[in-house]
Amino acid sequence: MSKAVERKLVVNDVLSSSWGYDQTNVDFYQVTRLVGKCMVELRQIGSAREYTGGMSGTCTPCMNQFLTNKEPMRKRVIYSGDAVRISSFATASKWDGRPQYFSSYA
């Protein structure tokens, strides 16, 4: 069993996750609660998109605009305490404040 990583995230921090194969999907999450020393509760939030090319552009998170079809989730922090594993294919880390690149097809 690996040693627990101490959390560096705080309530209202935003995490971003970029994933995909033929396209680049970006999801944003907001920390809504701290759980113990090593976990956080997250909710997925919406984003504002600016198209800069055909089917690509940049997006930024919309604080407190929680997606109603997504339940809160508890996640253990990983790496240096500012990231979580969302799924088997996606990790979310603390958003650096810069617009994130996305691309889509059809």
N, C-alpha and C. Protein backbone atom coordinates (compact mmCIF):
# COMPACT_ATOMS: atom_id res chain seq x y z
N MET A 1 0.85 -1.17 0.00
CA MET A 1 0.00 0.00 0.00
C MET A 1 0.89 1.24 0.00
N SER A 2 0.56 2.21 -0.82
CA SER A 2 1.39 3.41 -0.91
C SER A 2 1.06 4.38 0.22
N LYS A 3 2.03 5.22 0.53
CA LYS A 3 1.87 6.21 1.59
C LYS A 3 0.88 7.28 1.15
N ALA A 4 0.02 7.72 2.05
CA ALA A 4 -0.96 8.75 1.73
C ALA A 4 -0.25 10.07 1.43
N VAL A 5 -0.81 10.80 0.47
CA VAL A 5 -0.28 12.10 0.09
C VAL A 5 -1.13 13.16 0.76
N GLU A 6 -0.48 14.11 1.43
CA GLU A 6 -1.23 15.16 2.10
C GLU A 6 -1.78 16.15 1.10
N ARG A 7 -3.02 16.52 1.30
CA ARG A 7 -3.75 17.40 0.40
C ARG A 7 -3.22 18.84 0.46
N LYS A 8 -3.05 19.45 -0.73
CA LYS A 8 -2.68 20.86 -0.84
C LYS A 8 -3.82 21.68 -1.43
N LEU A 9 -4.90 21.02 -1.78
CA LEU A 9 -6.05 21.70 -2.36
C LEU A 9 -6.92 22.30 -1.26
N VAL A 10 -7.65 23.36 -1.60
CA VAL A 10 -8.57 24.01 -0.67
C VAL A 10 -9.93 24.16 -1.36
N VAL A 11 -10.96 24.45 -0.57
CA VAL A 11 -12.29 24.64 -1.11
C VAL A 11 -12.25 25.76 -2.15
N ASN A 12 -12.93 25.53 -3.26
CA ASN A 12 -13.05 26.42 -4.42
C ASN A 12 -11.87 26.34 -5.38
N ASP A 13 -10.85 25.54 -5.09
CA ASP A 13 -9.82 25.32 -6.11
C ASP A 13 -10.49 24.65 -7.31
N VAL A 14 -9.98 24.94 -8.50
CA VAL A 14 -10.48 24.34 -9.73
C VAL A 14 -9.42 23.40 -10.27
N LEU A 15 -9.86 22.21 -10.69
CA LEU A 15 -8.98 21.24 -11.31
C LEU A 15 -9.41 21.06 -12.76
N SER A 16 -8.44 20.81 -13.63
CA SER A 16 -8.77 20.56 -15.03
C SER A 16 -8.25 19.19 -15.44
N SER A 17 -8.97 18.59 -16.36
CA SER A 17 -8.62 17.27 -16.89
C SER A 17 -8.75 17.32 -18.40
N SER A 18 -7.67 17.00 -19.08
CA SER A 18 -7.66 16.97 -20.54
C SER A 18 -7.45 15.53 -20.97
N TRP A 19 -8.34 15.02 -21.83
CA TRP A 19 -8.27 13.63 -22.23
C TRP A 19 -8.89 13.44 -23.61
N GLY A 20 -8.61 12.33 -24.22
CA GLY A 20 -9.20 12.00 -25.51
C GLY A 20 -8.20 11.35 -26.44
N TYR A 21 -8.70 10.82 -27.53
CA TYR A 21 -7.85 10.13 -28.51
C TYR A 21 -7.84 10.93 -29.82
N ASP A 22 -8.96 10.98 -30.52
CA ASP A 22 -9.04 11.74 -31.76
C ASP A 22 -9.47 13.18 -31.53
N GLN A 23 -9.78 13.51 -30.32
CA GLN A 23 -10.15 14.88 -29.96
C GLN A 23 -9.65 15.15 -28.55
N THR A 24 -9.58 16.40 -28.18
CA THR A 24 -9.12 16.78 -26.85
C THR A 24 -10.30 17.31 -26.05
N ASN A 25 -10.73 16.54 -25.07
CA ASN A 25 -11.82 16.92 -24.19
C ASN A 25 -11.24 17.57 -22.95
N VAL A 26 -11.90 18.59 -22.42
CA VAL A 26 -11.46 19.25 -21.20
C VAL A 26 -12.64 19.29 -20.24
N ASP A 27 -12.43 18.79 -19.03
CA ASP A 27 -13.44 18.85 -17.97
C ASP A 27 -12.85 19.64 -16.81
N PHE A 28 -13.70 20.42 -16.15
CA PHE A 28 -13.27 21.18 -14.98
C PHE A 28 -14.05 20.71 -13.76
N TYR A 29 -13.39 20.73 -12.61
CA TYR A 29 -13.98 20.31 -11.35
C TYR A 29 -13.67 21.35 -10.28
N GLN A 30 -14.60 21.58 -9.38
CA GLN A 30 -14.41 22.54 -8.29
C GLN A 30 -14.40 21.77 -6.97
N VAL A 31 -13.43 22.06 -6.13
CA VAL A 31 -13.37 21.45 -4.80
C VAL A 31 -14.48 22.08 -3.95
N THR A 32 -15.38 21.25 -3.43
CA THR A 32 -16.51 21.76 -2.65
C THR A 32 -16.39 21.43 -1.16
N ARG A 33 -15.50 20.49 -0.83
CA ARG A 33 -15.36 20.10 0.57
C ARG A 33 -14.05 19.36 0.76
N LEU A 34 -13.46 19.53 1.94
CA LEU A 34 -12.25 18.80 2.30
C LEU A 34 -12.67 17.60 3.16
N VAL A 35 -12.06 16.46 2.90
CA VAL A 35 -12.40 15.23 3.61
C VAL A 35 -11.11 14.66 4.18
N GLY A 36 -10.98 14.70 5.50
CA GLY A 36 -9.75 14.22 6.13
C GLY A 36 -8.54 15.00 5.65
N LYS A 37 -7.37 14.36 5.70
CA LYS A 37 -6.13 15.02 5.28
C LYS A 37 -5.76 14.72 3.84
N CYS A 38 -6.39 13.70 3.27
CA CYS A 38 -5.93 13.21 1.97
C CYS A 38 -7.00 13.15 0.89
N MET A 39 -8.20 13.65 1.17
CA MET A 39 -9.28 13.55 0.19
C MET A 39 -9.99 14.89 0.02
N VAL A 40 -10.67 15.00 -1.13
CA VAL A 40 -11.51 16.17 -1.41
C VAL A 40 -12.83 15.69 -2.01
N GLU A 41 -13.84 16.53 -1.90
CA GLU A 41 -15.08 16.30 -2.61
C GLU A 41 -15.10 17.27 -3.78
N LEU A 42 -15.42 16.76 -4.96
CA LEU A 42 -15.42 17.56 -6.19
C LEU A 42 -16.78 17.53 -6.83
N ARG A 43 -17.07 18.61 -7.58
CA ARG A 43 -18.23 18.61 -8.47
C ARG A 43 -17.77 19.13 -9.81
N GLN A 44 -18.26 18.52 -10.87
CA GLN A 44 -17.91 18.98 -12.21
C GLN A 44 -18.65 20.28 -12.49
N ILE A 45 -17.93 21.23 -13.13
CA ILE A 45 -18.51 22.53 -13.46
C ILE A 45 -18.45 22.75 -14.97
N GLY A 46 -19.26 23.68 -15.43
CA GLY A 46 -19.30 24.01 -16.84
C GLY A 46 -18.09 24.83 -17.26
N SER A 47 -18.03 25.09 -18.57
CA SER A 47 -16.93 25.89 -19.09
C SER A 47 -17.43 26.82 -20.19
N ALA A 48 -16.70 27.91 -20.38
CA ALA A 48 -16.98 28.84 -21.47
C ALA A 48 -15.98 28.54 -22.57
N ARG A 49 -16.48 28.37 -23.79
CA ARG A 49 -15.62 28.02 -24.92
C ARG A 49 -15.49 29.20 -25.88
N GLU A 50 -14.29 29.34 -26.40
CA GLU A 50 -14.03 30.31 -27.46
C GLU A 50 -13.41 29.56 -28.62
N TYR A 51 -14.14 29.51 -29.73
CA TYR A 51 -13.64 28.79 -30.90
C TYR A 51 -12.62 29.66 -31.63
N THR A 52 -11.45 29.09 -31.87
CA THR A 52 -10.38 29.82 -32.55
C THR A 52 -10.07 29.22 -33.91
N GLY A 53 -10.63 28.07 -34.19
CA GLY A 53 -10.43 27.39 -35.47
C GLY A 53 -11.64 26.53 -35.73
N GLY A 54 -11.67 25.85 -36.85
CA GLY A 54 -12.80 25.02 -37.24
C GLY A 54 -13.57 24.41 -36.09
N MET A 55 -13.04 23.40 -35.48
CA MET A 55 -13.70 22.74 -34.36
C MET A 55 -12.74 22.65 -33.17
N SER A 56 -12.06 23.75 -32.91
CA SER A 56 -11.13 23.78 -31.78
C SER A 56 -11.08 25.19 -31.21
N GLY A 57 -10.51 25.28 -30.04
CA GLY A 57 -10.41 26.57 -29.39
C GLY A 57 -9.89 26.42 -27.97
N THR A 58 -10.31 27.35 -27.12
CA THR A 58 -9.90 27.31 -25.73
C THR A 58 -11.14 27.40 -24.84
N CYS A 59 -10.99 26.90 -23.62
CA CYS A 59 -12.10 26.97 -22.67
C CYS A 59 -11.58 27.33 -21.29
N THR A 60 -12.45 27.93 -20.50
CA THR A 60 -12.14 28.31 -19.13
C THR A 60 -13.30 27.86 -18.24
N PRO A 61 -13.03 27.57 -16.98
CA PRO A 61 -14.09 27.08 -16.10
C PRO A 61 -15.07 28.18 -15.70
N CYS A 62 -16.29 27.77 -15.40
CA CYS A 62 -17.34 28.66 -14.89
C CYS A 62 -17.59 28.28 -13.43
N MET A 63 -16.96 29.01 -12.52
CA MET A 63 -17.08 28.72 -11.09
C MET A 63 -18.54 28.64 -10.65
N ASN A 64 -18.83 27.67 -9.80
CA ASN A 64 -20.13 27.47 -9.18
C ASN A 64 -21.24 27.11 -10.16
N GLN A 65 -20.93 26.85 -11.42
CA GLN A 65 -21.93 26.39 -12.37
C GLN A 65 -21.84 24.87 -12.45
N PHE A 66 -22.35 24.23 -11.40
CA PHE A 66 -22.26 22.78 -11.25
C PHE A 66 -23.17 22.08 -12.27
N LEU A 67 -22.65 21.04 -12.89
CA LEU A 67 -23.45 20.27 -13.84
C LEU A 67 -24.48 19.47 -13.05
N THR A 68 -25.74 19.67 -13.38
CA THR A 68 -26.81 19.06 -12.59
C THR A 68 -26.92 17.55 -12.79
N ASN A 69 -26.37 17.04 -13.88
CA ASN A 69 -26.46 15.59 -14.11
C ASN A 69 -25.25 14.85 -13.56
N LYS A 70 -24.39 15.55 -12.80
CA LYS A 70 -23.19 14.93 -12.22
C LYS A 70 -23.24 15.04 -10.70
N GLU A 71 -23.07 13.91 -10.04
CA GLU A 71 -23.08 13.87 -8.58
C GLU A 71 -21.72 14.28 -8.02
N PRO A 72 -21.68 14.82 -6.79
CA PRO A 72 -20.38 15.08 -6.14
C PRO A 72 -19.61 13.77 -6.02
N MET A 73 -18.29 13.86 -6.05
CA MET A 73 -17.47 12.66 -5.91
C MET A 73 -16.33 12.93 -4.93
N ARG A 74 -15.97 11.92 -4.19
CA ARG A 74 -14.84 12.00 -3.27
C ARG A 74 -13.64 11.33 -3.91
N LYS A 75 -12.51 12.04 -3.88
CA LYS A 75 -11.29 11.51 -4.49
C LYS A 75 -10.11 11.73 -3.58
N ARG A 76 -9.20 10.76 -3.57
CA ARG A 76 -7.95 10.87 -2.82
C ARG A 76 -6.95 11.65 -3.66
N VAL A 77 -6.23 12.57 -3.02
CA VAL A 77 -5.23 13.34 -3.76
C VAL A 77 -4.04 12.46 -4.09
N ILE A 78 -3.38 12.79 -5.21
CA ILE A 78 -2.22 12.03 -5.67
C ILE A 78 -1.10 12.98 -6.04
N TYR A 79 0.02 12.42 -6.43
CA TYR A 79 1.21 13.18 -6.84
C TYR A 79 1.67 14.10 -5.73
N SER A 80 1.69 15.39 -5.98
CA SER A 80 2.19 16.33 -4.96
C SER A 80 1.06 16.91 -4.12
N GLY A 81 -0.10 16.28 -4.13
CA GLY A 81 -1.21 16.72 -3.29
C GLY A 81 -2.15 17.68 -3.97
N ASP A 82 -1.94 17.96 -5.27
CA ASP A 82 -2.81 18.91 -5.97
C ASP A 82 -3.45 18.30 -7.22
N ALA A 83 -3.65 16.98 -7.21
CA ALA A 83 -4.27 16.29 -8.33
C ALA A 83 -5.06 15.09 -7.81
N VAL A 84 -6.01 14.62 -8.63
CA VAL A 84 -6.80 13.43 -8.30
C VAL A 84 -6.99 12.61 -9.57
N ARG A 85 -7.21 11.32 -9.40
CA ARG A 85 -7.54 10.46 -10.54
C ARG A 85 -9.06 10.45 -10.66
N ILE A 86 -9.56 10.91 -11.80
CA ILE A 86 -10.99 10.96 -12.05
C ILE A 86 -11.51 9.60 -12.50
N SER A 87 -10.76 8.95 -13.39
CA SER A 87 -11.15 7.64 -13.91
C SER A 87 -9.88 6.91 -14.34
N SER A 88 -10.06 5.77 -14.97
CA SER A 88 -8.89 5.00 -15.41
C SER A 88 -8.12 5.72 -16.51
N PHE A 89 -8.74 6.67 -17.19
CA PHE A 89 -8.08 7.37 -18.29
C PHE A 89 -7.93 8.87 -18.08
N ALA A 90 -8.34 9.39 -16.93
CA ALA A 90 -8.29 10.85 -16.73
C ALA A 90 -7.83 11.22 -15.33
N THR A 91 -6.88 12.14 -15.28
CA THR A 91 -6.40 12.73 -14.03
C THR A 91 -6.70 14.22 -14.10
N ALA A 92 -7.12 14.78 -12.99
CA ALA A 92 -7.37 16.23 -12.92
C ALA A 92 -6.36 16.85 -11.98
N SER A 93 -5.75 17.93 -12.42
CA SER A 93 -4.78 18.63 -11.57
C SER A 93 -5.19 20.09 -11.45
N LYS A 94 -4.62 20.75 -10.45
CA LYS A 94 -5.00 22.13 -10.16
C LYS A 94 -4.83 22.99 -11.40
N TRP A 95 -5.88 23.69 -11.75
CA TRP A 95 -5.89 24.53 -12.94
C TRP A 95 -4.93 25.69 -12.76
N ASP A 96 -4.14 25.98 -13.79
CA ASP A 96 -3.11 27.02 -13.72
C ASP A 96 -3.62 28.40 -14.09
N GLY A 97 -4.92 28.54 -14.36
CA GLY A 97 -5.50 29.84 -14.67
C GLY A 97 -5.48 30.22 -16.14
N ARG A 98 -4.84 29.40 -16.97
CA ARG A 98 -4.77 29.69 -18.40
C ARG A 98 -5.87 28.95 -19.16
N PRO A 99 -6.38 29.53 -20.24
CA PRO A 99 -7.36 28.82 -21.06
C PRO A 99 -6.78 27.49 -21.52
N GLN A 100 -7.62 26.48 -21.60
CA GLN A 100 -7.21 25.14 -21.99
C GLN A 100 -7.65 24.85 -23.43
N TYR A 101 -6.78 24.21 -24.20
CA TYR A 101 -7.08 23.87 -25.59
C TYR A 101 -8.04 22.69 -25.65
N PHE A 102 -9.02 22.77 -26.56
CA PHE A 102 -9.90 21.64 -26.82
C PHE A 102 -10.08 21.49 -28.32
N SER A 103 -10.47 20.29 -28.74
CA SER A 103 -10.82 20.06 -30.13
C SER A 103 -11.96 19.06 -30.16
N SER A 104 -12.78 19.12 -31.21
CA SER A 104 -13.89 18.19 -31.32
C SER A 104 -14.11 17.83 -32.78
N TYR A 105 -14.85 16.77 -32.98
CA TYR A 105 -15.19 16.31 -34.33
C TYR A 105 -16.67 16.04 -34.38
N ALA A 106 -17.36 16.72 -35.27
CA ALA A 106 -18.79 16.59 -35.52
C ALA A 106 -19.69 16.83 -34.36
